[in-house]
Amino acid sequence: MKVDCYYNLHKHCISIRHKGLVIAHAHSVELNDVKFVVSQAGRARVLKEKRKNVHAFVRGELVRHSETTDSEVREGNVTYNPYKYDSFVRRADKSRITGAQKVYISGRSVCAVE
């Protein structure tokens, strides 16, 4: 099932969205065939209003999700900050990343396997 995943700032977990509706909340998620999506209109709204909104997410085929945090994903290798970047970037060299074969998300950490 193709889903969008994003960190929910209010519930402090990952929201899993399918066809526009949140279908689950989890603390760790595994996805295959991933695309990193940023709505530029949503990012512009964040920059203008200085208030976060859901405009960036990880889209892929849901493999599994869990109510517990995955201890193996400590430090993610992918990050996104709307005030610094216009896309998701690799932590190591700040280069743009648009997709990955597999992604592990645990809490706020995103680890991509390219």
N, C-alpha and C. Protein backbone atom coordinates (compact mmCIF):
# COMPACT_ATOMS: atom_id res chain seq x y z
N MET A 1 0.84 -1.17 0.00
CA MET A 1 0.00 0.00 0.00
C MET A 1 0.89 1.24 0.00
N LYS A 2 0.65 2.17 -0.91
CA LYS A 2 1.41 3.41 -1.02
C LYS A 2 0.92 4.38 0.06
N VAL A 3 1.85 4.89 0.89
CA VAL A 3 1.49 5.79 1.98
C VAL A 3 2.44 6.98 2.03
N ASP A 4 1.98 8.03 2.70
CA ASP A 4 2.81 9.19 3.02
C ASP A 4 3.05 9.17 4.52
N CYS A 5 4.29 9.39 4.94
CA CYS A 5 4.63 9.41 6.36
C CYS A 5 5.28 10.73 6.71
N TYR A 6 4.87 11.29 7.86
CA TYR A 6 5.46 12.53 8.34
C TYR A 6 5.43 12.54 9.85
N TYR A 7 6.32 13.31 10.46
CA TYR A 7 6.35 13.41 11.92
C TYR A 7 5.25 14.36 12.37
N ASN A 8 4.41 13.88 13.28
CA ASN A 8 3.31 14.66 13.80
C ASN A 8 3.80 15.41 15.05
N LEU A 9 3.90 16.73 14.94
CA LEU A 9 4.43 17.54 16.03
C LEU A 9 3.52 17.56 17.26
N HIS A 10 2.25 17.35 17.08
CA HIS A 10 1.30 17.40 18.20
C HIS A 10 1.23 16.08 18.96
N LYS A 11 1.29 14.96 18.23
CA LYS A 11 1.18 13.64 18.85
C LYS A 11 2.55 13.01 19.14
N HIS A 12 3.62 13.64 18.65
CA HIS A 12 5.00 13.15 18.85
C HIS A 12 5.16 11.72 18.36
N CYS A 13 4.68 11.48 17.14
CA CYS A 13 4.81 10.16 16.52
C CYS A 13 4.76 10.36 15.00
N ILE A 14 4.79 9.27 14.26
CA ILE A 14 4.72 9.33 12.81
C ILE A 14 3.27 9.10 12.38
N SER A 15 2.75 9.99 11.58
CA SER A 15 1.42 9.81 11.00
C SER A 15 1.58 9.10 9.66
N ILE A 16 0.74 8.10 9.42
CA ILE A 16 0.75 7.34 8.17
C ILE A 16 -0.54 7.66 7.44
N ARG A 17 -0.39 8.26 6.24
CA ARG A 17 -1.53 8.74 5.48
C ARG A 17 -1.67 7.93 4.19
N HIS A 18 -2.91 7.51 3.88
CA HIS A 18 -3.20 6.78 2.65
C HIS A 18 -4.38 7.45 1.97
N LYS A 19 -4.19 7.86 0.71
CA LYS A 19 -5.22 8.55 -0.06
C LYS A 19 -5.80 9.75 0.69
N GLY A 20 -4.91 10.51 1.35
CA GLY A 20 -5.32 11.74 2.01
C GLY A 20 -5.84 11.60 3.42
N LEU A 21 -6.03 10.37 3.91
CA LEU A 21 -6.54 10.15 5.25
C LEU A 21 -5.50 9.47 6.13
N VAL A 22 -5.34 9.95 7.36
CA VAL A 22 -4.42 9.32 8.30
C VAL A 22 -5.04 7.99 8.73
N ILE A 23 -4.32 6.90 8.47
CA ILE A 23 -4.85 5.58 8.79
C ILE A 23 -4.21 4.98 10.03
N ALA A 24 -3.07 5.52 10.46
CA ALA A 24 -2.39 4.97 11.65
C ALA A 24 -1.36 5.96 12.16
N HIS A 25 -0.96 5.73 13.40
CA HIS A 25 0.16 6.44 14.01
C HIS A 25 1.14 5.38 14.49
N ALA A 26 2.43 5.67 14.38
CA ALA A 26 3.44 4.69 14.78
C ALA A 26 4.67 5.43 15.29
N HIS A 27 5.58 4.67 15.89
CA HIS A 27 6.85 5.24 16.33
C HIS A 27 8.00 4.82 15.43
N SER A 28 7.77 3.76 14.62
CA SER A 28 8.76 3.39 13.61
C SER A 28 8.04 2.83 12.39
N VAL A 29 8.62 3.10 11.21
CA VAL A 29 8.01 2.71 9.94
C VAL A 29 9.13 2.27 8.99
N GLU A 30 8.82 1.27 8.17
CA GLU A 30 9.74 0.83 7.11
C GLU A 30 8.99 0.96 5.78
N LEU A 31 9.63 1.60 4.79
CA LEU A 31 9.03 1.81 3.47
C LEU A 31 9.98 1.34 2.37
N ASN A 32 9.42 0.88 1.25
CA ASN A 32 10.19 0.53 0.06
C ASN A 32 9.83 1.48 -1.07
N ASP A 33 10.72 1.59 -2.08
CA ASP A 33 10.50 2.42 -3.27
C ASP A 33 10.05 3.83 -2.89
N VAL A 34 10.91 4.54 -2.24
CA VAL A 34 10.57 5.80 -1.57
C VAL A 34 10.88 7.02 -2.42
N LYS A 35 10.02 8.01 -2.29
CA LYS A 35 10.23 9.35 -2.83
C LYS A 35 10.10 10.34 -1.68
N PHE A 36 10.99 11.34 -1.67
CA PHE A 36 10.92 12.40 -0.67
C PHE A 36 10.20 13.58 -1.32
N VAL A 37 9.09 14.00 -0.74
CA VAL A 37 8.21 14.98 -1.36
C VAL A 37 8.15 16.25 -0.51
N VAL A 38 8.34 17.40 -1.17
CA VAL A 38 8.19 18.70 -0.52
C VAL A 38 7.29 19.57 -1.40
N SER A 39 6.19 20.04 -0.85
CA SER A 39 5.32 20.97 -1.56
C SER A 39 5.94 22.36 -1.44
N GLN A 40 6.34 22.94 -2.56
CA GLN A 40 6.98 24.26 -2.52
C GLN A 40 5.99 25.34 -2.08
N ALA A 41 4.71 25.18 -2.42
CA ALA A 41 3.70 26.14 -1.97
C ALA A 41 3.55 26.07 -0.44
N GLY A 42 3.55 24.86 0.10
CA GLY A 42 3.47 24.70 1.55
C GLY A 42 4.70 25.26 2.25
N ARG A 43 5.88 25.03 1.65
CA ARG A 43 7.11 25.58 2.22
C ARG A 43 7.08 27.11 2.21
N ALA A 44 6.58 27.69 1.12
CA ALA A 44 6.48 29.16 1.03
C ALA A 44 5.56 29.70 2.12
N ARG A 45 4.49 28.97 2.40
CA ARG A 45 3.56 29.38 3.46
C ARG A 45 4.25 29.34 4.83
N VAL A 46 5.08 28.30 5.06
CA VAL A 46 5.85 28.22 6.31
C VAL A 46 6.78 29.41 6.44
N LEU A 47 7.49 29.74 5.37
CA LEU A 47 8.43 30.85 5.40
C LEU A 47 7.71 32.18 5.63
N LYS A 48 6.55 32.33 5.04
CA LYS A 48 5.79 33.57 5.18
C LYS A 48 5.18 33.71 6.57
N GLU A 49 4.54 32.63 7.06
CA GLU A 49 3.83 32.69 8.33
C GLU A 49 4.70 32.36 9.54
N LYS A 50 5.89 31.80 9.30
CA LYS A 50 6.78 31.35 10.38
C LYS A 50 6.06 30.35 11.29
N ARG A 51 5.27 29.49 10.65
CA ARG A 51 4.48 28.49 11.38
C ARG A 51 4.47 27.21 10.55
N LYS A 52 4.81 26.10 11.17
CA LYS A 52 4.92 24.84 10.45
C LYS A 52 3.56 24.29 10.04
N ASN A 53 3.55 23.58 8.89
CA ASN A 53 2.37 22.86 8.41
C ASN A 53 2.87 21.61 7.70
N VAL A 54 1.98 20.67 7.45
CA VAL A 54 2.39 19.42 6.78
C VAL A 54 2.55 19.69 5.29
N HIS A 55 3.78 19.81 4.86
CA HIS A 55 4.06 20.06 3.45
C HIS A 55 5.20 19.20 2.92
N ALA A 56 5.80 18.39 3.80
CA ALA A 56 6.91 17.52 3.41
C ALA A 56 6.68 16.15 4.03
N PHE A 57 6.91 15.12 3.22
CA PHE A 57 6.67 13.77 3.73
C PHE A 57 7.47 12.77 2.92
N VAL A 58 7.51 11.54 3.42
CA VAL A 58 8.18 10.44 2.77
C VAL A 58 7.08 9.54 2.20
N ARG A 59 7.13 9.28 0.90
CA ARG A 59 6.09 8.48 0.23
C ARG A 59 6.70 7.16 -0.24
N GLY A 60 6.04 6.05 0.08
CA GLY A 60 6.53 4.75 -0.37
C GLY A 60 5.58 3.63 -0.03
N GLU A 61 6.00 2.41 -0.38
CA GLU A 61 5.22 1.21 -0.09
C GLU A 61 5.45 0.81 1.36
N LEU A 62 4.37 0.72 2.12
CA LEU A 62 4.46 0.38 3.54
C LEU A 62 4.85 -1.08 3.69
N VAL A 63 5.96 -1.33 4.40
CA VAL A 63 6.41 -2.69 4.69
C VAL A 63 5.93 -3.09 6.07
N ARG A 64 6.19 -2.22 7.05
CA ARG A 64 5.74 -2.47 8.42
C ARG A 64 5.72 -1.17 9.20
N HIS A 65 4.99 -1.18 10.29
CA HIS A 65 5.02 -0.07 11.25
C HIS A 65 4.87 -0.64 12.64
N SER A 66 5.38 0.08 13.62
CA SER A 66 5.40 -0.43 14.98
C SER A 66 5.12 0.68 15.99
N GLU A 67 4.60 0.29 17.12
CA GLU A 67 4.31 1.23 18.20
C GLU A 67 5.56 1.54 19.03
N THR A 68 6.65 0.82 18.79
CA THR A 68 7.88 1.05 19.54
C THR A 68 8.91 1.71 18.63
N THR A 69 9.82 2.45 19.23
CA THR A 69 10.89 3.10 18.49
C THR A 69 11.95 2.07 18.13
N ASP A 70 12.41 2.10 16.90
CA ASP A 70 13.44 1.17 16.42
C ASP A 70 14.79 1.66 16.91
N SER A 71 15.40 0.90 17.80
CA SER A 71 16.67 1.33 18.42
C SER A 71 17.83 1.35 17.43
N GLU A 72 17.70 0.66 16.29
CA GLU A 72 18.78 0.63 15.31
C GLU A 72 18.88 1.92 14.50
N VAL A 73 17.79 2.69 14.44
CA VAL A 73 17.79 3.96 13.71
C VAL A 73 18.01 5.08 14.72
N ARG A 74 19.25 5.28 15.09
CA ARG A 74 19.56 6.31 16.09
C ARG A 74 19.73 7.68 15.44
N GLU A 75 20.63 7.72 14.48
CA GLU A 75 20.92 8.98 13.79
C GLU A 75 20.60 8.79 12.32
N GLY A 76 19.57 9.46 11.86
CA GLY A 76 19.19 9.33 10.46
C GLY A 76 20.21 9.98 9.54
N ASN A 77 20.21 9.57 8.30
CA ASN A 77 21.14 10.15 7.34
C ASN A 77 20.45 11.11 6.37
N VAL A 78 19.15 11.39 6.62
CA VAL A 78 18.38 12.32 5.80
C VAL A 78 17.69 13.32 6.73
N THR A 79 17.62 14.58 6.29
CA THR A 79 16.96 15.60 7.10
C THR A 79 16.22 16.58 6.20
N TYR A 80 15.34 17.34 6.82
CA TYR A 80 14.64 18.42 6.11
C TYR A 80 14.33 19.53 7.09
N ASN A 81 14.64 20.74 6.70
CA ASN A 81 14.32 21.93 7.49
C ASN A 81 13.86 22.99 6.50
N PRO A 82 12.58 23.40 6.56
CA PRO A 82 12.08 24.34 5.56
C PRO A 82 12.77 25.70 5.59
N TYR A 83 13.39 26.05 6.70
CA TYR A 83 14.08 27.34 6.80
C TYR A 83 15.48 27.29 6.19
N LYS A 84 16.03 26.08 5.99
CA LYS A 84 17.38 25.94 5.44
C LYS A 84 17.40 25.33 4.04
N TYR A 85 16.48 24.40 3.74
CA TYR A 85 16.54 23.64 2.49
C TYR A 85 15.19 23.67 1.78
N ASP A 86 15.23 23.52 0.45
CA ASP A 86 13.97 23.43 -0.31
C ASP A 86 13.62 21.99 -0.65
N SER A 87 14.42 21.03 -0.15
CA SER A 87 14.15 19.61 -0.36
C SER A 87 14.77 18.83 0.80
N PHE A 88 14.50 17.53 0.83
CA PHE A 88 15.19 16.67 1.78
C PHE A 88 16.66 16.62 1.35
N VAL A 89 17.58 16.53 2.33
CA VAL A 89 19.01 16.48 2.04
C VAL A 89 19.69 15.40 2.86
N ARG A 90 20.84 14.94 2.35
CA ARG A 90 21.67 14.00 3.10
C ARG A 90 22.38 14.79 4.20
N ARG A 91 22.41 14.25 5.39
CA ARG A 91 23.08 14.95 6.50
C ARG A 91 24.57 15.14 6.26
N ALA A 92 25.21 14.15 5.66
CA ALA A 92 26.67 14.17 5.51
C ALA A 92 27.17 15.34 4.67
N ASP A 93 26.57 15.57 3.50
CA ASP A 93 27.09 16.60 2.61
C ASP A 93 26.05 17.63 2.17
N LYS A 94 24.85 17.54 2.74
CA LYS A 94 23.75 18.49 2.43
C LYS A 94 23.32 18.44 0.97
N SER A 95 23.59 17.33 0.27
CA SER A 95 23.15 17.20 -1.12
C SER A 95 21.69 16.74 -1.16
N ARG A 96 21.00 17.15 -2.19
CA ARG A 96 19.58 16.83 -2.37
C ARG A 96 19.38 15.32 -2.52
N ILE A 97 18.32 14.79 -1.91
CA ILE A 97 17.95 13.40 -2.09
C ILE A 97 16.47 13.36 -2.47
N THR A 98 16.16 12.67 -3.55
CA THR A 98 14.77 12.63 -4.04
C THR A 98 14.12 11.27 -3.84
N GLY A 99 14.93 10.22 -3.65
CA GLY A 99 14.36 8.89 -3.48
C GLY A 99 15.36 7.91 -2.92
N ALA A 100 14.85 6.73 -2.56
CA ALA A 100 15.70 5.66 -2.02
C ALA A 100 14.99 4.33 -2.21
N GLN A 101 15.76 3.25 -2.18
CA GLN A 101 15.17 1.92 -2.29
C GLN A 101 14.36 1.59 -1.04
N LYS A 102 14.92 1.93 0.12
CA LYS A 102 14.29 1.58 1.39
C LYS A 102 14.55 2.72 2.38
N VAL A 103 13.56 2.98 3.23
CA VAL A 103 13.71 4.00 4.27
C VAL A 103 13.19 3.44 5.59
N TYR A 104 13.96 3.70 6.64
CA TYR A 104 13.54 3.38 8.00
C TYR A 104 13.31 4.70 8.72
N ILE A 105 12.15 4.86 9.33
CA ILE A 105 11.85 6.06 10.11
C ILE A 105 11.60 5.62 11.53
N SER A 106 12.26 6.27 12.46
CA SER A 106 12.05 5.99 13.87
C SER A 106 12.04 7.31 14.60
N GLY A 107 10.88 7.67 15.16
CA GLY A 107 10.76 8.98 15.78
C GLY A 107 10.98 10.04 14.72
N ARG A 108 11.94 10.93 14.97
CA ARG A 108 12.23 12.00 14.01
C ARG A 108 13.41 11.66 13.10
N SER A 109 13.98 10.47 13.24
CA SER A 109 15.13 10.05 12.44
C SER A 109 14.68 9.34 11.17
N VAL A 110 15.29 9.73 10.05
CA VAL A 110 15.00 9.11 8.74
C VAL A 110 16.31 8.56 8.20
N CYS A 111 16.32 7.25 7.95
CA CYS A 111 17.53 6.60 7.43
C CYS A 111 17.21 5.98 6.07
N ALA A 112 17.87 6.48 5.03
CA ALA A 112 17.64 6.00 3.66
C ALA A 112 18.72 5.02 3.24
N VAL A 113 18.29 3.94 2.57
CA VAL A 113 19.21 2.97 1.98
C VAL A 113 19.07 3.13 0.47
N GLU A 114 20.12 3.67 -0.16
CA GLU A 114 20.06 3.98 -1.60
C GLU A 114 20.56 2.84 -2.45
